[in-house]
Amino acid sequence: MKADFSYQKRVIEFSSGYIFKGKHYRCSLIRYPSFYRTPVRGTENVELYHFSPRENAVGSIIILHGLGTVNIPFLFWMGSHLASAGLQASVMILPGNYTRTASGSTSGKDFFSPDISKLIKFWEQAVVDTLTTIDLLQQEKMWWENNCLFGYCLGGMISTIVNALDERIKSMILMTVGGNMAKIIWRSPVLKSIRRSFNDGMGSEAFLNDEKRLGEQFKNDLKRLNGFDSVSEFIESDLHPLLKVDPLAYAKFNDRSKVTMIEALFDKTLPQQTRKQLWEAFGRPKRYIVPIGHVSWFPFEYALGKFILKKLGIKEARRRLRLLESTRPTE
């Protein structure tokens, strides 16, 4: 089984309407049909919350959220304030999450389904939807040369794959991100339900429902990965299908100079080894280890916002200070 991130490029027809207006930005909800070949019911339309500065923009950022729903409102907050500071800020809702939850499922569940064919479909669609979102922003002249792809947890894993496939991304910031899907599935405390499915005999045979056997295969396949010179060659290979949607496998195809990692010292969601492995696979890019947990960074979004602005070269005090302004709507 191979991962398929291909789609037919064409002019994107979309709908857009303002849903919120702040003093220095406007937020519009943009919808367009997913270009993924077989979207699951409930995920057919890409949803993009686009925060646009009222004054001239100085850069662009796409924000990809983490698994589930709780983290998304915090990233909306960050999008609004980054727009106030001069960025075209877009929060894309990943398929299978929030308002794009698959019919009959729950938010975030399908990205780690015990059915490997279903799991891969959601990862494929997330990558395709992100690529077409860049297409749309570029089409509408909202994707600047000065740009950034920011991914939190799951969003950072998707970002790593996207950055390996697309050269239009100038910089990438990954927040609390790890690699090695085999270890994450068997060791992350938030994925207990999947492991119960294995114990109940409900897991897919392709998962090799044995932690040791799956780990050994991953270890051997990662060694073979060194022999591939291109992403397409790797995708077409006979390596384990789970590895085809693993950021650990795509890290070597990323430009290390574009990557910045922010790691939470007290992260209990992702095993420490998976975070270190990904950092090593990128070639040890710039990394900041901060004394927070996997979700306890939410109240410190202002500091993260300032870091993003600095990364994009936006240093004017006026723009930085707007991160503190109220987001109450204006007429």
C-alpha atoms as a PDB file:
ATOM      1  CA  MET A   1       0.000   0.000   0.000  1.00  0.00           C
ATOM      2  CA  LYS A   2       1.334   3.430  -0.914  1.00  0.00           C
ATOM      3  CA  ALA A   3       0.257   6.905   0.185  1.00  0.00           C
ATOM      4  CA  ASP A   4      -1.238   8.990  -2.603  1.00  0.00           C
ATOM      5  CA  PHE A   5      -1.017  12.759  -2.225  1.00  0.00           C
ATOM      6  CA  SER A   6      -1.719  13.519  -5.868  1.00  0.00           C
ATOM      7  CA  TYR A   7      -4.558  15.738  -7.103  1.00  0.00           C
ATOM      8  CA  GLN A   8      -5.485  17.587 -10.275  1.00  0.00           C
ATOM      9  CA  LYS A   9      -4.609  21.265 -10.083  1.00  0.00           C
ATOM     10  CA  ARG A  10      -7.245  23.645 -11.395  1.00  0.00           C
ATOM     11  CA  VAL A  11      -8.871  26.961 -10.573  1.00  0.00           C
ATOM     12  CA  ILE A  12     -10.484  26.654  -7.152  1.00  0.00           C
ATOM     13  CA  GLU A  13     -14.105  27.776  -6.897  1.00  0.00           C
ATOM     14  CA  PHE A  14     -14.911  28.765  -3.336  1.00  0.00           C
ATOM     15  CA  SER A  15     -17.426  30.549  -1.153  1.00  0.00           C
ATOM     16  CA  SER A  16     -16.394  33.179   1.363  1.00  0.00           C
ATOM     17  CA  GLY A  17     -18.166  35.386   3.883  1.00  0.00           C
ATOM     18  CA  TYR A  18     -17.054  37.585   6.764  1.00  0.00           C
ATOM     19  CA  ILE A  19     -18.018  36.144  10.131  1.00  0.00           C
ATOM     20  CA  PHE A  20     -16.152  38.545  12.408  1.00  0.00           C
ATOM     21  CA  LYS A  21     -14.598  41.987  12.220  1.00  0.00           C
ATOM     22  CA  GLY A  22     -12.028  43.315  14.669  1.00  0.00           C
ATOM     23  CA  LYS A  23     -10.410  46.705  14.864  1.00  0.00           C
ATOM     24  CA  HIS A  24      -7.392  45.693  12.799  1.00  0.00           C
ATOM     25  CA  TYR A  25      -8.509  42.513  11.005  1.00  0.00           C
ATOM     26  CA  ARG A  26     -11.413  40.678   9.451  1.00  0.00           C
ATOM     27  CA  CYS A  27     -12.191  36.975   9.626  1.00  0.00           C
ATOM     28  CA  SER A  28     -13.877  35.164   6.773  1.00  0.00           C
ATOM     29  CA  LEU A  29     -14.946  31.531   6.503  1.00  0.00           C
ATOM     30  CA  ILE A  30     -13.801  30.101   3.186  1.00  0.00           C
ATOM     31  CA  ARG A  31     -15.196  26.812   1.878  1.00  0.00           C
ATOM     32  CA  TYR A  32     -14.327  24.823  -1.222  1.00  0.00           C
ATOM     33  CA  PRO A  33     -14.684  21.167  -2.278  1.00  0.00           C
ATOM     34  CA  SER A  34     -11.771  18.972  -1.260  1.00  0.00           C
ATOM     35  CA  PHE A  35      -9.610  17.830  -4.182  1.00  0.00           C
ATOM     36  CA  TYR A  36      -9.000  14.517  -2.442  1.00  0.00           C
ATOM     37  CA  ARG A  37     -10.265  11.710  -4.658  1.00  0.00           C
ATOM     38  CA  THR A  38     -12.501   9.887  -2.149  1.00  0.00           C
ATOM     39  CA  PRO A  39     -13.417  12.081   0.839  1.00  0.00           C
ATOM     40  CA  VAL A  40     -15.463  10.481   3.588  1.00  0.00           C
ATOM     41  CA  ARG A  41     -18.932  11.903   4.172  1.00  0.00           C
ATOM     42  CA  GLY A  42     -18.664  14.956   6.390  1.00  0.00           C
ATOM     43  CA  THR A  43     -15.172  15.880   5.161  1.00  0.00           C
ATOM     44  CA  GLU A  44     -16.032  16.799   1.556  1.00  0.00           C
ATOM     45  CA  ASN A  45     -15.494  20.539   1.969  1.00  0.00           C
ATOM     46  CA  VAL A  46     -12.311  22.237   3.100  1.00  0.00           C
ATOM     47  CA  GLU A  47     -12.959  24.913   5.735  1.00  0.00           C
ATOM     48  CA  LEU A  48     -10.542  27.763   6.174  1.00  0.00           C
ATOM     49  CA  TYR A  49     -10.852  30.516   8.772  1.00  0.00           C
ATOM     50  CA  HIS A  50      -8.943  33.343   7.147  1.00  0.00           C
ATOM     51  CA  PHE A  51      -7.866  36.334   9.246  1.00  0.00           C
ATOM     52  CA  SER A  52      -6.902  39.251   7.042  1.00  0.00           C
ATOM     53  CA  PRO A  53      -5.291  42.518   8.250  1.00  0.00           C
ATOM     54  CA  ARG A  54      -7.185  45.724   7.483  1.00  0.00           C
ATOM     55  CA  GLU A  55      -3.881  47.415   6.661  1.00  0.00           C
ATOM     56  CA  ASN A  56      -1.350  46.168   4.120  1.00  0.00           C
ATOM     57  CA  ALA A  57      -0.211  42.621   4.792  1.00  0.00           C
ATOM     58  CA  VAL A  58       3.474  41.835   5.249  1.00  0.00           C
ATOM     59  CA  GLY A  59       3.402  38.044   5.176  1.00  0.00           C
ATOM     60  CA  SER A  60       1.318  34.851   5.329  1.00  0.00           C
ATOM     61  CA  ILE A  61       0.910  31.965   7.730  1.00  0.00           C
ATOM     62  CA  ILE A  62      -1.105  28.748   7.622  1.00  0.00           C
ATOM     63  CA  ILE A  63      -1.920  27.309  11.051  1.00  0.00           C
ATOM     64  CA  LEU A  64      -2.636  23.583  11.344  1.00  0.00           C
ATOM     65  CA  HIS A  65      -4.242  22.509  14.618  1.00  0.00           C
ATOM     66  CA  GLY A  66      -3.788  19.430  16.749  1.00  0.00           C
ATOM     67  CA  LEU A  67      -5.940  16.327  17.155  1.00  0.00           C
ATOM     68  CA  GLY A  68      -9.525  16.891  18.238  1.00  0.00           C
ATOM     69  CA  THR A  69     -11.326  20.139  19.007  1.00  0.00           C
ATOM     70  CA  VAL A  70     -10.179  21.735  22.277  1.00  0.00           C
ATOM     71  CA  ASN A  71      -7.054  23.383  20.849  1.00  0.00           C
ATOM     72  CA  ILE A  72      -8.761  25.015  17.862  1.00  0.00           C
ATOM     73  CA  PRO A  73     -10.301  28.089  19.606  1.00  0.00           C
ATOM     74  CA  PHE A  74      -6.867  28.976  20.975  1.00  0.00           C
ATOM     75  CA  LEU A  75      -5.442  28.936  17.461  1.00  0.00           C
ATOM     76  CA  PHE A  76      -8.331  31.131  16.257  1.00  0.00           C
ATOM     77  CA  TRP A  77      -7.211  33.624  18.891  1.00  0.00           C
ATOM     78  CA  MET A  78      -3.660  33.480  17.607  1.00  0.00           C
ATOM     79  CA  GLY A  79      -4.822  33.869  14.007  1.00  0.00           C
ATOM     80  CA  SER A  80      -6.776  37.019  14.848  1.00  0.00           C
ATOM     81  CA  HIS A  81      -3.861  38.652  16.633  1.00  0.00           C
ATOM     82  CA  LEU A  82      -1.300  37.706  13.991  1.00  0.00           C
ATOM     83  CA  ALA A  83      -3.602  39.282  11.412  1.00  0.00           C
ATOM     84  CA  SER A  84      -3.765  42.416  13.547  1.00  0.00           C
ATOM     85  CA  ALA A  85       0.031  42.440  13.381  1.00  0.00           C
ATOM     86  CA  GLY A  86       0.066  42.279   9.569  1.00  0.00           C
ATOM     87  CA  LEU A  87      -0.091  38.606   8.571  1.00  0.00           C
ATOM     88  CA  GLN A  88      -2.572  36.886   6.290  1.00  0.00           C
ATOM     89  CA  ALA A  89      -3.348  34.159   8.848  1.00  0.00           C
ATOM     90  CA  SER A  90      -5.313  31.058   7.843  1.00  0.00           C
ATOM     91  CA  VAL A  91      -6.470  28.350  10.264  1.00  0.00           C
ATOM     92  CA  MET A  92      -7.345  25.302   8.166  1.00  0.00           C
ATOM     93  CA  ILE A  93      -9.629  22.674   9.699  1.00  0.00           C
ATOM     94  CA  LEU A  94      -8.151  19.244   9.089  1.00  0.00           C
ATOM     95  CA  PRO A  95     -10.520  16.544   7.785  1.00  0.00           C
ATOM     96  CA  GLY A  96     -11.943  14.372  10.550  1.00  0.00           C
ATOM     97  CA  ASN A  97     -11.788  17.175  13.132  1.00  0.00           C
ATOM     98  CA  TYR A  98     -14.073  19.890  14.540  1.00  0.00           C
ATOM     99  CA  THR A  99     -16.706  20.877  11.928  1.00  0.00           C
ATOM    100  CA  ARG A 100     -15.231  18.381   9.442  1.00  0.00           C
ATOM    101  CA  THR A 101     -15.718  15.279  11.588  1.00  0.00           C
ATOM    102  CA  ALA A 102     -16.662  12.254   9.509  1.00  0.00           C
ATOM    103  CA  SER A 103     -20.275  11.123   9.707  1.00  0.00           C
ATOM    104  CA  GLY A 104     -20.713   8.681  12.611  1.00  0.00           C
ATOM    105  CA  SER A 105     -17.258   9.388  14.038  1.00  0.00           C
ATOM    106  CA  THR A 106     -15.795  11.735  16.665  1.00  0.00           C
ATOM    107  CA  SER A 107     -13.350  14.594  16.240  1.00  0.00           C
ATOM    108  CA  GLY A 108      -9.778  13.384  15.687  1.00  0.00           C
ATOM    109  CA  LYS A 109     -10.517   9.676  16.020  1.00  0.00           C
ATOM    110  CA  ASP A 110      -9.922   8.595  12.421  1.00  0.00           C
ATOM    111  CA  PHE A 111      -6.287   9.738  12.203  1.00  0.00           C
ATOM    112  CA  PHE A 112      -5.402   6.808  14.459  1.00  0.00           C
ATOM    113  CA  SER A 113      -8.059   4.326  13.429  1.00  0.00           C
ATOM    114  CA  PRO A 114      -7.357   0.601  13.998  1.00  0.00           C
ATOM    115  CA  ASP A 115      -8.303   0.204  10.327  1.00  0.00           C
ATOM    116  CA  ILE A 116      -5.087   1.158   8.533  1.00  0.00           C
ATOM    117  CA  SER A 117      -6.770   1.860   5.185  1.00  0.00           C
ATOM    118  CA  LYS A 118      -9.095   4.382   6.862  1.00  0.00           C
ATOM    119  CA  LEU A 119      -6.201   5.899   8.808  1.00  0.00           C
ATOM    120  CA  ILE A 120      -4.148   6.473   5.653  1.00  0.00           C
ATOM    121  CA  LYS A 121      -7.109   8.062   3.853  1.00  0.00           C
ATOM    122  CA  PHE A 122      -7.392  10.791   6.483  1.00  0.00           C
ATOM    123  CA  TRP A 123      -3.659  11.525   6.433  1.00  0.00           C
ATOM    124  CA  GLU A 124      -3.698  11.655   2.634  1.00  0.00           C
ATOM    125  CA  GLN A 125      -6.646  14.032   2.578  1.00  0.00           C
ATOM    126  CA  ALA A 126      -5.101  16.291   5.228  1.00  0.00           C
ATOM    127  CA  VAL A 127      -1.981  16.680   3.083  1.00  0.00           C
ATOM    128  CA  VAL A 128      -3.958  17.264  -0.127  1.00  0.00           C
ATOM    129  CA  ASP A 129      -6.221  19.830   1.585  1.00  0.00           C
ATOM    130  CA  THR A 130      -3.189  21.719   2.904  1.00  0.00           C
ATOM    131  CA  LEU A 131      -1.544  21.767  -0.524  1.00  0.00           C
ATOM    132  CA  THR A 132      -4.725  23.030  -2.190  1.00  0.00           C
ATOM    133  CA  THR A 133      -5.128  25.669   0.518  1.00  0.00           C
ATOM    134  CA  ILE A 134      -1.716  27.046  -0.505  1.00  0.00           C
ATOM    135  CA  ASP A 135      -2.973  26.900  -4.112  1.00  0.00           C
ATOM    136  CA  LEU A 136      -6.061  28.905  -3.175  1.00  0.00           C
ATOM    137  CA  LEU A 137      -4.165  31.528  -1.196  1.00  0.00           C
ATOM    138  CA  GLN A 138      -1.711  31.871  -4.061  1.00  0.00           C
ATOM    139  CA  GLN A 139      -4.575  32.101  -6.563  1.00  0.00           C
ATOM    140  CA  GLU A 140      -6.166  34.932  -4.557  1.00  0.00           C
ATOM    141  CA  LYS A 141      -2.805  36.667  -4.012  1.00  0.00           C
ATOM    142  CA  MET A 142      -2.865  36.021  -0.261  1.00  0.00           C
ATOM    143  CA  TRP A 143       0.223  33.757  -0.127  1.00  0.00           C
ATOM    144  CA  TRP A 144       3.284  35.936   0.287  1.00  0.00           C
ATOM    145  CA  GLU A 145       6.911  35.119  -0.378  1.00  0.00           C
ATOM    146  CA  ASN A 146       7.417  35.854   3.319  1.00  0.00           C
ATOM    147  CA  ASN A 147       5.423  32.909   4.679  1.00  0.00           C
ATOM    148  CA  CYS A 148       5.295  30.265   7.374  1.00  0.00           C
ATOM    149  CA  LEU A 149       3.587  26.930   7.991  1.00  0.00           C
ATOM    150  CA  PHE A 150       2.850  26.458  11.699  1.00  0.00           C
ATOM    151  CA  GLY A 151       1.754  23.058  12.979  1.00  0.00           C
ATOM    152  CA  TYR A 152       0.767  21.996  16.477  1.00  0.00           C
ATOM    153  CA  CYS A 153       1.007  18.260  17.289  1.00  0.00           C
ATOM    154  CA  LEU A 154      -0.982  16.501  14.527  1.00  0.00           C
ATOM    155  CA  GLY A 155      -0.800  19.696  12.466  1.00  0.00           C
ATOM    156  CA  GLY A 156       2.987  19.625  12.782  1.00  0.00           C
ATOM    157  CA  MET A 157       3.102  16.031  11.578  1.00  0.00           C
ATOM    158  CA  ILE A 158       1.029  16.971   8.524  1.00  0.00           C
ATOM    159  CA  SER A 159       3.224  20.063   8.006  1.00  0.00           C
ATOM    160  CA  THR A 160       6.342  17.882   7.817  1.00  0.00           C
ATOM    161  CA  ILE A 161       4.859  15.811   4.991  1.00  0.00           C
ATOM    162  CA  VAL A 162       3.610  18.922   3.163  1.00  0.00           C
ATOM    163  CA  ASN A 163       6.990  20.650   3.428  1.00  0.00           C
ATOM    164  CA  ALA A 164       8.668  17.604   1.890  1.00  0.00           C
ATOM    165  CA  LEU A 165       6.296  17.778  -1.097  1.00  0.00           C
ATOM    166  CA  ASP A 166       6.056  21.539  -1.698  1.00  0.00           C
ATOM    167  CA  GLU A 167       8.756  24.158  -2.218  1.00  0.00           C
ATOM    168  CA  ARG A 168       6.518  27.194  -1.680  1.00  0.00           C
ATOM    169  CA  ILE A 169       6.997  27.179   2.099  1.00  0.00           C
ATOM    170  CA  LYS A 170       9.710  29.536   3.342  1.00  0.00           C
ATOM    171  CA  SER A 171       9.742  28.509   7.010  1.00  0.00           C
ATOM    172  CA  MET A 172       8.066  25.909   9.205  1.00  0.00           C
ATOM    173  CA  ILE A 173       7.476  26.014  12.970  1.00  0.00           C
ATOM    174  CA  LEU A 174       6.542  22.774  14.702  1.00  0.00           C
ATOM    175  CA  MET A 175       5.027  22.884  18.183  1.00  0.00           C
ATOM    176  CA  THR A 176       5.139  19.700  20.325  1.00  0.00           C
ATOM    177  CA  VAL A 177       5.625  17.293  17.412  1.00  0.00           C
ATOM    178  CA  GLY A 178       7.076  13.787  17.274  1.00  0.00           C
ATOM    179  CA  GLY A 179       7.636  10.957  14.812  1.00  0.00           C
ATOM    180  CA  ASN A 180       7.624   7.144  14.750  1.00  0.00           C
ATOM    181  CA  MET A 181       3.971   6.194  14.454  1.00  0.00           C
ATOM    182  CA  ALA A 182       4.578   2.685  15.774  1.00  0.00           C
ATOM    183  CA  LYS A 183       5.849   4.031  19.094  1.00  0.00           C
ATOM    184  CA  ILE A 184       3.239   6.814  19.295  1.00  0.00           C
ATOM    185  CA  ILE A 185       0.384   4.335  18.764  1.00  0.00           C
ATOM    186  CA  TRP A 186       1.655   1.935  21.400  1.00  0.00           C
ATOM    187  CA  ARG A 187       3.000   4.418  23.946  1.00  0.00           C
ATOM    188  CA  SER A 188       0.911   7.604  23.814  1.00  0.00           C
ATOM    189  CA  PRO A 189      -1.629   7.699  26.687  1.00  0.00           C
ATOM    190  CA  VAL A 190      -4.230   9.417  24.483  1.00  0.00           C
ATOM    191  CA  LEU A 191      -4.386   6.411  22.128  1.00  0.00           C
ATOM    192  CA  LYS A 192      -5.551   3.825  24.646  1.00  0.00           C
ATOM    193  CA  SER A 193      -8.746   3.219  22.679  1.00  0.00           C
ATOM    194  CA  ILE A 194      -6.774   1.998  19.659  1.00  0.00           C
ATOM    195  CA  ARG A 195      -4.793  -0.404  21.791  1.00  0.00           C
ATOM    196  CA  ARG A 196      -8.049  -1.726  23.284  1.00  0.00           C
ATOM    197  CA  SER A 197      -9.243  -2.375  19.735  1.00  0.00           C
ATOM    198  CA  PHE A 198      -6.155  -4.505  19.161  1.00  0.00           C
ATOM    199  CA  ASN A 199      -6.854  -6.470  22.306  1.00  0.00           C
ATOM    200  CA  ASP A 200     -10.451  -6.995  21.157  1.00  0.00           C
ATOM    201  CA  GLY A 201      -9.243  -8.387  17.835  1.00  0.00           C
ATOM    202  CA  MET A 202     -10.676  -5.433  15.914  1.00  0.00           C
ATOM    203  CA  GLY A 203      -7.411  -4.017  14.579  1.00  0.00           C
ATOM    204  CA  SER A 204      -6.312  -4.256  10.966  1.00  0.00           C
ATOM    205  CA  GLU A 205      -3.866  -7.079  10.185  1.00  0.00           C
ATOM    206  CA  ALA A 206      -1.666  -4.551   8.378  1.00  0.00           C
ATOM    207  CA  PHE A 207      -0.990  -2.934  11.736  1.00  0.00           C
ATOM    208  CA  LEU A 208       0.816  -6.097  12.920  1.00  0.00           C
ATOM    209  CA  ASN A 209      -1.044  -5.960  16.228  1.00  0.00           C
ATOM    210  CA  ASP A 210       2.064  -6.735  18.182  1.00  0.00           C
ATOM    211  CA  GLU A 211       4.143  -3.869  19.554  1.00  0.00           C
ATOM    212  CA  LYS A 212       7.458  -5.679  19.306  1.00  0.00           C
ATOM    213  CA  ARG A 213       6.940  -6.926  15.742  1.00  0.00           C
ATOM    214  CA  LEU A 214       5.697  -3.548  14.513  1.00  0.00           C
ATOM    215  CA  GLY A 215       8.606  -1.789  16.218  1.00  0.00           C
ATOM    216  CA  GLU A 216      11.133  -4.139  14.645  1.00  0.00           C
ATOM    217  CA  GLN A 217       9.662  -3.659  11.175  1.00  0.00           C
ATOM    218  CA  PHE A 218       9.741   0.122  11.617  1.00  0.00           C
ATOM    219  CA  LYS A 219      13.350  -0.057  12.765  1.00  0.00           C
ATOM    220  CA  ASN A 220      14.357  -2.082   9.694  1.00  0.00           C
ATOM    221  CA  ASP A 221      12.329   0.071   7.289  1.00  0.00           C
ATOM    222  CA  LEU A 222      13.845   3.283   8.656  1.00  0.00           C
ATOM    223  CA  LYS A 223      17.296   1.881   7.847  1.00  0.00           C
ATOM    224  CA  ARG A 224      16.143   1.191   4.285  1.00  0.00           C
ATOM    225  CA  LEU A 225      14.841   4.765   4.052  1.00  0.00           C
ATOM    226  CA  ASN A 226      18.416   6.005   3.769  1.00  0.00           C
ATOM    227  CA  GLY A 227      18.596   4.425   0.316  1.00  0.00           C
ATOM    228  CA  PHE A 228      15.883   6.634  -1.188  1.00  0.00           C
ATOM    229  CA  ASP A 229      16.882   9.866  -2.891  1.00  0.00           C
ATOM    230  CA  SER A 230      13.407  11.321  -3.425  1.00  0.00           C
ATOM    231  CA  VAL A 231       9.992  11.452  -1.791  1.00  0.00           C
ATOM    232  CA  SER A 232       8.317   9.832  -4.791  1.00  0.00           C
ATOM    233  CA  GLU A 233      10.754   6.909  -4.689  1.00  0.00           C
ATOM    234  CA  PHE A 234       9.976   6.385  -1.002  1.00  0.00           C
ATOM    235  CA  ILE A 235       6.191   6.627  -1.514  1.00  0.00           C
ATOM    236  CA  GLU A 236       6.332   4.007  -4.289  1.00  0.00           C
ATOM    237  CA  SER A 237       8.385   1.591  -2.169  1.00  0.00           C
ATOM    238  CA  ASP A 238       7.209  -1.516  -0.314  1.00  0.00           C
ATOM    239  CA  LEU A 239       7.961  -0.106   3.140  1.00  0.00           C
ATOM    240  CA  HIS A 240       5.294  -0.452   5.826  1.00  0.00           C
ATOM    241  CA  PRO A 241       2.167   1.560   4.866  1.00  0.00           C
ATOM    242  CA  LEU A 242       2.069   3.218   8.295  1.00  0.00           C
ATOM    243  CA  LEU A 243       5.521   4.647   7.614  1.00  0.00           C
ATOM    244  CA  LYS A 244       4.132   6.350   4.475  1.00  0.00           C
ATOM    245  CA  VAL A 245       2.234   8.809   6.713  1.00  0.00           C
ATOM    246  CA  ASP A 246       4.924   9.129   9.376  1.00  0.00           C
ATOM    247  CA  PRO A 247       6.697  12.514   9.653  1.00  0.00           C
ATOM    248  CA  LEU A 248       9.818  10.639  10.717  1.00  0.00           C
ATOM    249  CA  ALA A 249      10.120   9.251   7.180  1.00  0.00           C
ATOM    250  CA  TYR A 250       9.598  12.642   5.506  1.00  0.00           C
ATOM    251  CA  ALA A 251      11.929  14.651   7.745  1.00  0.00           C
ATOM    252  CA  LYS A 252      15.003  13.783   5.648  1.00  0.00           C
ATOM    253  CA  PHE A 253      13.315  15.336   2.607  1.00  0.00           C
ATOM    254  CA  ASN A 254      12.829  18.677   4.414  1.00  0.00           C
ATOM    255  CA  ASP A 255      15.272  21.568   4.172  1.00  0.00           C
ATOM    256  CA  ARG A 256      16.690  21.708   7.705  1.00  0.00           C
ATOM    257  CA  SER A 257      17.259  25.462   7.486  1.00  0.00           C
ATOM    258  CA  LYS A 258      13.501  26.033   7.160  1.00  0.00           C
ATOM    259  CA  VAL A 259      12.605  24.081  10.299  1.00  0.00           C
ATOM    260  CA  THR A 260      12.194  25.339  13.862  1.00  0.00           C
ATOM    261  CA  MET A 261      10.983  22.973  16.587  1.00  0.00           C
ATOM    262  CA  ILE A 262       9.435  23.979  19.914  1.00  0.00           C
ATOM    263  CA  GLU A 263       9.382  21.087  22.360  1.00  0.00           C
ATOM    264  CA  ALA A 264       7.463  20.931  25.631  1.00  0.00           C
ATOM    265  CA  LEU A 265       9.715  19.675  28.413  1.00  0.00           C
ATOM    266  CA  PHE A 266       6.791  18.135  30.329  1.00  0.00           C
ATOM    267  CA  ASP A 267       4.999  16.671  27.316  1.00  0.00           C
ATOM    268  CA  LYS A 268       3.218  13.475  28.414  1.00  0.00           C
ATOM    269  CA  THR A 269       1.210  13.016  25.199  1.00  0.00           C
ATOM    270  CA  LEU A 270       4.139  12.200  22.918  1.00  0.00           C
ATOM    271  CA  PRO A 271       6.916   9.930  24.217  1.00  0.00           C
ATOM    272  CA  GLN A 272      10.198  11.829  24.585  1.00  0.00           C
ATOM    273  CA  GLN A 273      11.972   9.429  22.232  1.00  0.00           C
ATOM    274  CA  THR A 274       9.544  10.205  19.392  1.00  0.00           C
ATOM    275  CA  ARG A 275      10.285  13.933  19.699  1.00  0.00           C
ATOM    276  CA  LYS A 276      14.037  13.370  19.785  1.00  0.00           C
ATOM    277  CA  GLN A 277      13.896  10.978  16.831  1.00  0.00           C
ATOM    278  CA  LEU A 278      12.107  13.530  14.684  1.00  0.00           C
ATOM    279  CA  TRP A 279      14.581  16.248  15.613  1.00  0.00           C
ATOM    280  CA  GLU A 280      17.452  13.913  14.699  1.00  0.00           C
ATOM    281  CA  ALA A 281      15.762  12.950  11.417  1.00  0.00           C
ATOM    282  CA  PHE A 282      15.495  16.623  10.413  1.00  0.00           C
ATOM    283  CA  GLY A 283      19.251  16.927  10.920  1.00  0.00           C
ATOM    284  CA  ARG A 284      19.053  18.661  14.300  1.00  0.00           C
ATOM    285  CA  PRO A 285      17.455  21.955  13.255  1.00  0.00           C
ATOM    286  CA  LYS A 286      17.020  24.891  15.629  1.00  0.00           C
ATOM    287  CA  ARG A 287      15.072  23.681  18.649  1.00  0.00           C
ATOM    288  CA  TYR A 288      13.671  25.361  21.766  1.00  0.00           C
ATOM    289  CA  ILE A 289      12.785  23.261  24.818  1.00  0.00           C
ATOM    290  CA  VAL A 290      10.390  25.168  27.046  1.00  0.00           C
ATOM    291  CA  PRO A 291       9.128  24.226  30.558  1.00  0.00           C
ATOM    292  CA  ILE A 292       5.503  23.537  29.601  1.00  0.00           C
ATOM    293  CA  GLY A 293       3.261  20.551  28.911  1.00  0.00           C
ATOM    294  CA  HIS A 294       1.616  19.415  25.709  1.00  0.00           C
ATOM    295  CA  VAL A 295      -1.414  21.697  26.201  1.00  0.00           C
ATOM    296  CA  SER A 296      -0.322  24.051  28.984  1.00  0.00           C
ATOM    297  CA  TRP A 297       1.261  26.417  26.427  1.00  0.00           C
ATOM    298  CA  PHE A 298      -2.177  27.732  25.379  1.00  0.00           C
ATOM    299  CA  PRO A 299      -2.171  30.628  27.903  1.00  0.00           C
ATOM    300  CA  PHE A 300       1.243  31.724  26.548  1.00  0.00           C
ATOM    301  CA  GLU A 301       0.091  32.285  22.969  1.00  0.00           C
ATOM    302  CA  TYR A 302       1.167  35.909  23.132  1.00  0.00           C
ATOM    303  CA  ALA A 303       4.808  34.826  23.528  1.00  0.00           C
ATOM    304  CA  LEU A 304       4.414  32.343  20.672  1.00  0.00           C
ATOM    305  CA  GLY A 305       2.826  35.053  18.520  1.00  0.00           C
ATOM    306  CA  LYS A 306       5.776  37.362  19.144  1.00  0.00           C
ATOM    307  CA  PHE A 307       8.155  34.538  18.236  1.00  0.00           C
ATOM    308  CA  ILE A 308       6.327  33.940  14.940  1.00  0.00           C
ATOM    309  CA  LEU A 309       6.435  37.651  14.091  1.00  0.00           C
ATOM    310  CA  LYS A 310      10.162  37.750  14.805  1.00  0.00           C
ATOM    311  CA  LYS A 311      10.690  34.651  12.674  1.00  0.00           C
ATOM    312  CA  LEU A 312       8.987  36.395   9.755  1.00  0.00           C
ATOM    313  CA  GLY A 313      10.969  39.560  10.279  1.00  0.00           C
ATOM    314  CA  ILE A 314       8.079  41.685  11.567  1.00  0.00           C
ATOM    315  CA  LYS A 315       9.801  43.804  14.187  1.00  0.00           C
ATOM    316  CA  GLU A 316       7.810  47.027  14.348  1.00  0.00           C
ATOM    317  CA  ALA A 317       6.711  47.741  17.928  1.00  0.00           C
ATOM    318  CA  ARG A 318       3.305  48.887  16.693  1.00  0.00           C
ATOM    319  CA  ARG A 319       2.568  45.479  15.244  1.00  0.00           C
ATOM    320  CA  ARG A 320       3.935  43.557  18.197  1.00  0.00           C
ATOM    321  CA  LEU A 321       1.854  45.515  20.662  1.00  0.00           C
ATOM    322  CA  ARG A 322      -1.350  44.783  18.793  1.00  0.00           C
ATOM    323  CA  LEU A 323      -1.123  41.229  20.066  1.00  0.00           C
ATOM    324  CA  LEU A 324      -2.379  42.660  23.346  1.00  0.00           C
ATOM    325  CA  GLU A 325      -5.375  44.509  21.926  1.00  0.00           C
ATOM    326  CA  SER A 326      -8.968  43.464  22.437  1.00  0.00           C
ATOM    327  CA  THR A 327     -10.623  41.360  19.736  1.00  0.00           C
ATOM    328  CA  ARG A 328     -14.108  42.746  20.382  1.00  0.00           C
ATOM    329  CA  PRO A 329     -16.016  43.117  17.109  1.00  0.00           C
ATOM    330  CA  THR A 330     -16.535  46.502  15.481  1.00  0.00           C
ATOM    331  CA  GLU A 331     -19.342  47.631  13.212  1.00  0.00           C
END
